[in-house]
Structure formats: structure tokens, C-alpha cells
Amino acid sequence: MDSTKNLVILTHFPVLRTKNLSVSRSGNQILSDVNLTINSGEFVGIVGPNGSGKSTLLLTILGVLKSSKGTVEIYGKTTPTREVYEKISWVSQAAANLPKEIRITVRELVQLGTVKLSNLLFETDRQRRQNLVDNAIKIVGLESVQNVSIGRLSGGQRQRAVIARALATDAELILLDEPLVGIDRETRNDFLKLLDDLAHNQGKTIIMISHDLAAIRQTAHRIIYLEESIRFDGIPSDFPNLQELAILRGIKDVHGGHHPIIGECCDENEIKESE
């Protein structure tokens, strides 16, 4: 018997391409000549300081913002169709900040991810929705609380529920904007492992914005450092150290190579004079 016949072979191909992408907001240029290719099955972390253009890039990919120059190509199309957009799911910063008094269960929240599927009145489509919801809840490990109100969940569980809703859309490309904010260390590690599994085992393409550079370096397959333009794009082990990053950003050493010790109050000449 051929032991390989049950293996799922994931073919990697370009999901997203930007070419010379420039975007301005309120008269200020936020992105300049961003050239980027992301393949299916990649887990890509985008990092950079506040105002560096991270969220602007995601909003431009989603078509919410228009570029002043350049193009965005998604699944080979520069003018995405409804079919293309249905392959994309976006999880915003506030997605998991649901009011605690909201009366909706995990399962009901996840079901909302299927409402854009067409012909919902047909029995076959209702069954498909059911299967998508069941699978999404199972993938994120919330089967035991699927009938529990969202308001009773921990922050990390709510994040998982929001991811499950994204998965229930049958999305292939998942965009996340600061999903690690407000969750504890253990939950964060579990959540990042989940994203890695989605990329490796489900063939999902993950693009995640985060200020948590340490977490990104430990989990993402690839890191992009964005500050108006792409300053670094590579594997985590090649990411620059703090000194190299300062040079990359054009930040000069104001101490001239001498970093004062806390509590230091005088220089060598002052010490000699006091003696």
C-alpha cells in the first residue's frame, strides 16, 4: 500500500503582490514604493513603529484605501472580484473587544462568518455552513465552550472565537491587526501556535501586524519591517539586532559611543579636580 496517498500536498503560489505601492492620507505620504510578494501558506509578521504604515498597508490590500501610485494584486487580479474578496478575512484590533453583556454564544458568533455565502436557503448550503462552523470551532479548540456566551470567555478565548469566525468564511488569506493586545503570556503562546498550525496544516496565508517583536521573531515564518517603505524582509534569524535596527532606521547614537551609567554625575576631569 502506498503510504503517501493520504498526504495533503500544499502547492505554494503568490497570493498577494504589491508593485511600487504608494499611499497618502490627509496629504501625507504613508507608504512609498512598497514592493512585496506573499505566497500561500506563509505566516508573515509585519512590524514597525507607530505611524509606519502597517495598518495603511492592510487597508489598501482590502480596498478600503486607494493608492496614489502602484498596484495591489490579489490572487492574480489587480481588480479583485467578489469571489476574490470572499477568500479574505480581516480581524481588526477591536474585533475581540466585544461588550461583556452581549448575549451571543461562541457558536452564534462563528456562524456570522458564513452569512455571506450565497443561496443560504438551500439545504446543501445550510449543511455546508454547519460543517464550516463545526470545523472552525474544532480548529481553534473551543468545542467545550461553543454554547457559552462570549461575555464569559477570557480575552484569549475571545480572540480564538474571532479567528474561528474568520475561518468559517472559508477564507484563505487572513489579515490580523494587533491580535496580541490584551492577552496574557500563556494565551499568547497558544494563539501564535494556532496561527502557525493554520499556515502549516491548513494552508492558510497569515499576515499579522504586531508591536510584539519578540513574539513575531519566535513564531512568524517571515518578518517585514515597514517604515514608509520596506526596510527589512526576511527570515526571523536574519532580523537585525537593536543597534543594526537603529542604523536601519537612521537613528544616530546621541552619546557619541559613550552610554552614561545611571547615577553617573561627573566626567573624569571633574573627578580629578575634586581630588
Protein backbone atom coordinates (compact mmCIF):
# COMPACT_ATOMS: atom_id res chain seq x y z
CA MET A 1 0.00 0.00 0.00
CA ASP A 2 1.25 3.47 -0.88
CA SER A 3 1.62 5.26 2.44
CA THR A 4 1.76 8.66 0.71
CA LYS A 5 -1.66 8.54 -0.91
CA ASN A 6 -3.40 10.18 2.06
CA LEU A 7 -0.92 13.06 2.33
CA VAL A 8 -2.24 16.54 1.59
CA ILE A 9 0.22 18.31 -0.71
CA LEU A 10 0.08 22.10 -0.38
CA THR A 11 1.09 23.97 -3.53
CA HIS A 12 2.55 27.39 -2.79
CA PHE A 13 1.76 30.24 -5.17
CA PRO A 14 1.66 34.06 -4.97
CA VAL A 15 -1.42 35.22 -3.06
CA LEU A 16 -0.52 38.89 -2.78
CA ARG A 17 1.71 41.20 -4.78
CA THR A 18 2.25 44.93 -4.46
CA LYS A 19 4.26 46.83 -7.04
CA ASN A 20 5.66 50.32 -6.37
CA LEU A 21 2.76 50.89 -3.98
CA SER A 22 2.48 54.41 -2.58
CA VAL A 23 -0.37 55.66 -0.39
CA SER A 24 -1.08 59.11 1.01
CA ARG A 25 -3.52 60.03 3.80
CA SER A 26 -4.57 63.59 4.66
CA GLY A 27 -1.89 64.92 2.32
CA ASN A 28 0.92 62.93 3.98
CA GLN A 29 2.69 60.08 2.24
CA ILE A 30 2.41 56.99 4.43
CA LEU A 31 3.70 54.28 2.06
CA SER A 32 6.33 54.75 -0.61
CA ASP A 33 7.26 52.24 -3.34
CA VAL A 34 6.33 49.11 -1.40
CA ASN A 35 7.18 46.00 -3.41
CA LEU A 36 6.00 42.80 -1.81
CA THR A 37 5.14 39.22 -2.72
CA ILE A 38 3.48 36.84 -0.24
CA ASN A 39 2.91 33.19 -1.10
CA SER A 40 0.19 30.86 0.08
CA GLY A 41 0.86 29.11 3.38
CA GLU A 42 3.19 31.83 4.70
CA PHE A 43 2.88 33.29 8.19
CA VAL A 44 4.18 36.84 7.76
CA GLY A 45 4.68 39.27 10.64
CA ILE A 46 4.70 43.00 9.84
CA VAL A 47 6.42 45.18 12.41
CA GLY A 48 7.34 48.84 12.67
CA PRO A 49 6.81 51.92 14.87
CA ASN A 50 3.50 53.78 15.24
CA GLY A 51 2.60 55.61 12.05
CA SER A 52 4.90 53.49 9.91
CA GLY A 53 2.12 52.42 7.53
CA LYS A 54 1.30 48.92 8.79
CA SER A 55 -2.46 49.38 9.09
CA THR A 56 -2.48 51.54 5.97
CA LEU A 57 -0.98 48.65 4.04
CA LEU A 58 -3.69 46.24 5.23
CA LEU A 59 -6.47 48.72 4.47
CA THR A 60 -5.06 49.24 0.98
CA ILE A 61 -4.92 45.48 0.41
CA LEU A 62 -8.58 45.32 1.47
CA GLY A 63 -9.51 48.10 -0.95
CA VAL A 64 -10.60 50.47 1.82
CA LEU A 65 -7.83 52.92 0.87
CA LYS A 66 -6.74 53.79 -2.65
CA SER A 67 -3.11 54.01 -3.73
CA SER A 68 -1.65 57.18 -5.21
CA LYS A 69 0.75 55.05 -7.25
CA GLY A 70 1.39 51.39 -7.91
CA THR A 71 -0.81 48.31 -7.79
CA VAL A 72 -2.12 45.62 -5.46
CA GLU A 73 -2.64 42.19 -6.97
CA ILE A 74 -4.62 39.56 -5.05
CA TYR A 75 -4.86 36.04 -6.43
CA GLY A 76 -3.59 37.35 -9.76
CA LYS A 77 -6.15 40.17 -10.08
CA THR A 78 -5.46 43.89 -9.76
CA THR A 79 -9.22 44.50 -9.72
CA PRO A 80 -10.43 41.86 -7.26
CA THR A 81 -13.83 40.29 -7.82
CA ARG A 82 -16.36 39.34 -5.16
CA GLU A 83 -15.03 35.79 -5.40
CA VAL A 84 -11.52 37.01 -4.58
CA TYR A 85 -12.67 39.12 -1.62
CA GLU A 86 -14.55 36.13 -0.22
CA LYS A 87 -11.17 34.42 0.14
CA ILE A 88 -10.02 37.18 2.51
CA SER A 89 -10.87 37.71 6.16
CA TRP A 90 -9.78 40.69 8.25
CA VAL A 91 -9.55 40.68 12.05
CA SER A 92 -9.27 44.25 13.33
CA GLN A 93 -7.68 45.42 16.58
CA ALA A 94 -11.09 45.79 18.24
CA ALA A 95 -12.58 42.52 16.91
CA ALA A 96 -12.30 40.68 20.24
CA ASN A 97 -13.31 43.68 22.40
CA LEU A 98 -16.94 42.66 22.48
CA PRO A 99 -19.12 44.04 25.31
CA LYS A 100 -19.29 41.56 28.19
CA GLU A 101 -23.07 41.96 28.36
CA ILE A 102 -23.54 40.89 24.74
CA ARG A 103 -25.81 37.85 24.53
CA ILE A 104 -24.27 35.77 21.79
CA THR A 105 -22.63 32.38 22.11
CA VAL A 106 -19.34 31.31 20.57
CA ARG A 107 -21.20 29.20 18.03
CA GLU A 108 -23.52 32.06 17.06
CA LEU A 109 -20.55 34.40 16.60
CA VAL A 110 -18.76 31.89 14.40
CA GLN A 111 -21.93 31.34 12.35
CA LEU A 112 -21.85 35.04 11.44
CA GLY A 113 -18.79 34.25 9.37
CA THR A 114 -20.91 32.20 6.97
CA VAL A 115 -23.68 34.71 6.23
CA LYS A 116 -22.04 35.99 3.05
CA LEU A 117 -22.22 32.56 1.46
CA SER A 118 -24.82 32.59 -1.34
CA ASN A 119 -28.07 30.63 -1.59
CA LEU A 120 -28.41 30.10 2.14
CA LEU A 121 -31.95 28.72 1.83
CA PHE A 122 -30.84 25.56 0.11
CA GLU A 123 -30.41 22.54 2.35
CA THR A 124 -26.99 21.73 0.89
CA ASP A 125 -25.78 25.24 1.72
CA ARG A 126 -27.16 25.05 5.26
CA GLN A 127 -25.24 21.82 5.72
CA ARG A 128 -22.11 23.42 4.29
CA ARG A 129 -22.43 26.30 6.75
CA GLN A 130 -22.87 23.82 9.59
CA ASN A 131 -19.73 21.95 8.53
CA LEU A 132 -17.71 25.16 8.24
CA VAL A 133 -18.77 26.28 11.72
CA ASP A 134 -18.07 22.86 13.27
CA ASN A 135 -14.62 22.70 11.67
CA ALA A 136 -13.67 26.27 12.61
CA ILE A 137 -14.61 25.76 16.27
CA LYS A 138 -12.67 22.50 16.36
CA ILE A 139 -9.55 24.04 14.81
CA VAL A 140 -9.36 26.80 17.44
CA GLY A 141 -10.09 24.39 20.29
CA LEU A 142 -13.34 25.93 21.59
CA GLU A 143 -15.62 22.90 21.30
CA SER A 144 -16.14 22.72 25.07
CA VAL A 145 -17.36 26.36 25.26
CA GLN A 146 -19.15 26.67 21.92
CA ASN A 147 -22.50 27.26 23.64
CA VAL A 148 -21.11 29.68 26.23
CA SER A 149 -21.75 33.41 25.97
CA ILE A 150 -18.86 35.42 24.54
CA GLY A 151 -19.01 37.72 27.55
CA ARG A 152 -17.98 34.87 29.87
CA LEU A 153 -14.82 33.99 27.95
CA SER A 154 -11.25 35.05 28.66
CA GLY A 155 -9.54 37.50 26.34
CA GLY A 156 -7.62 34.70 24.67
CA GLN A 157 -10.76 32.63 24.13
CA ARG A 158 -12.48 35.63 22.53
CA GLN A 159 -9.51 36.01 20.19
CA ARG A 160 -9.86 32.35 19.23
CA ALA A 161 -13.58 32.81 18.65
CA VAL A 162 -12.90 35.75 16.34
CA ILE A 163 -10.35 33.66 14.43
CA ALA A 164 -12.94 30.86 14.18
CA ARG A 165 -15.39 33.33 12.66
CA ALA A 166 -12.72 34.23 10.10
CA LEU A 167 -12.11 30.56 9.34
CA ALA A 168 -15.84 29.91 8.93
CA THR A 169 -15.83 32.29 5.97
CA ASP A 170 -13.66 29.67 4.27
CA ALA A 171 -11.06 32.43 3.91
CA GLU A 172 -7.65 31.51 2.55
CA LEU A 173 -5.94 34.82 3.39
CA ILE A 174 -6.30 36.06 6.98
CA LEU A 175 -5.21 39.59 7.90
CA LEU A 176 -4.79 40.40 11.60
CA ASP A 177 -4.19 43.84 13.08
CA GLU A 178 -2.59 43.67 16.56
CA PRO A 179 -4.36 40.49 17.76
CA LEU A 180 -1.96 40.04 20.72
CA VAL A 181 -3.06 43.18 22.57
CA GLY A 182 -4.59 42.46 25.97
CA ILE A 183 -3.96 38.72 26.21
CA ASP A 184 -1.74 37.02 28.78
CA ARG A 185 1.53 35.19 28.09
CA GLU A 186 0.17 31.63 28.07
CA THR A 187 -2.78 32.54 25.88
CA ARG A 188 -0.49 34.46 23.54
CA ASN A 189 1.75 31.42 23.06
CA ASP A 190 -1.25 29.16 22.37
CA PHE A 191 -2.71 31.71 19.97
CA LEU A 192 0.54 32.03 18.00
CA LYS A 193 0.86 28.24 17.83
CA LEU A 194 -2.66 28.16 16.40
CA LEU A 195 -1.70 30.63 13.67
CA ASP A 196 1.39 28.58 12.84
CA ASP A 197 -0.76 25.44 12.59
CA LEU A 198 -3.23 27.22 10.29
CA ALA A 199 -0.40 28.08 7.93
CA HIS A 200 1.40 24.72 8.08
CA ASN A 201 -1.53 22.32 8.29
CA GLN A 202 -4.46 24.21 6.78
CA GLY A 203 -2.58 26.04 4.04
CA LYS A 204 -3.88 29.42 5.25
CA THR A 205 -1.88 32.55 4.49
CA ILE A 206 -1.47 34.72 7.61
CA ILE A 207 -0.42 38.37 7.59
CA MET A 208 -0.21 39.78 11.10
CA ILE A 209 0.63 43.27 12.33
CA SER A 210 2.13 43.40 15.81
CA HIS A 211 4.24 45.61 18.06
CA ASP A 212 5.39 42.48 19.90
CA LEU A 213 8.67 41.99 18.05
CA ALA A 214 9.82 39.19 20.35
CA ALA A 215 6.65 37.18 19.65
CA ILE A 216 6.94 37.75 15.92
CA ARG A 217 10.59 36.65 15.88
CA GLN A 218 9.70 33.44 17.68
CA THR A 219 6.72 32.46 15.54
CA ALA A 220 6.41 34.09 12.12
CA HIS A 221 7.97 32.38 9.12
CA ARG A 222 8.98 35.76 7.73
CA ILE A 223 9.31 39.29 9.10
CA ILE A 224 8.72 42.53 7.25
CA TYR A 225 9.93 45.74 8.89
CA LEU A 226 7.89 48.60 7.47
CA GLU A 227 8.53 52.29 7.95
CA GLU A 228 7.05 54.09 4.94
CA SER A 229 8.95 51.60 2.79
CA ILE A 230 10.14 48.07 3.47
CA ARG A 231 13.42 48.27 5.41
CA PHE A 232 13.76 44.51 6.02
CA ASP A 233 12.13 41.43 4.54
CA GLY A 234 13.47 38.04 5.52
CA ILE A 235 13.51 35.13 7.93
CA PRO A 236 13.47 35.82 11.70
CA SER A 237 17.04 34.61 12.28
CA ASP A 238 18.31 37.33 9.91
CA PHE A 239 16.38 40.14 11.58
CA PRO A 240 18.76 42.94 12.68
CA ASN A 241 19.71 43.41 16.33
CA LEU A 242 18.81 46.65 18.13
CA GLN A 243 21.94 48.52 17.04
CA GLU A 244 21.55 47.41 13.43
CA LEU A 245 17.88 48.32 13.56
CA ALA A 246 18.71 51.81 14.80
CA ILE A 247 21.12 52.25 11.89
CA LEU A 248 18.50 50.87 9.50
CA ARG A 249 16.01 53.47 10.78
CA GLY A 250 18.58 56.28 10.58
CA ILE A 251 18.67 56.81 14.35
CA LYS A 252 22.04 58.19 15.44
CA ASP A 253 23.84 57.48 18.71
CA VAL A 254 23.44 60.80 20.55
CA HIS A 255 26.01 59.73 23.17
CA GLY A 256 28.83 59.54 20.66
CA GLY A 257 29.61 55.95 21.62
CA HIS A 258 29.57 56.65 25.37
CA HIS A 259 26.45 55.49 27.18
CA PRO A 260 26.26 57.07 30.66
CA ILE A 261 25.80 54.84 33.68
CA ILE A 262 22.68 55.52 35.74
CA GLY A 263 23.69 57.71 38.65
CA GLU A 264 26.82 58.97 36.86
CA CYS A 265 27.21 62.67 37.72
CA CYS A 266 30.57 63.82 36.54
CA ASP A 267 33.32 63.18 33.99
CA GLU A 268 36.96 62.21 34.56
CA ASN A 269 38.22 65.84 34.72
CA GLU A 270 35.66 66.68 37.40
CA ILE A 271 36.84 63.66 39.43
CA LYS A 272 40.49 64.78 39.22
CA GLU A 273 39.64 68.33 40.27
CA SER A 274 37.74 67.12 43.30
CA GLU A 275 40.75 65.10 44.41
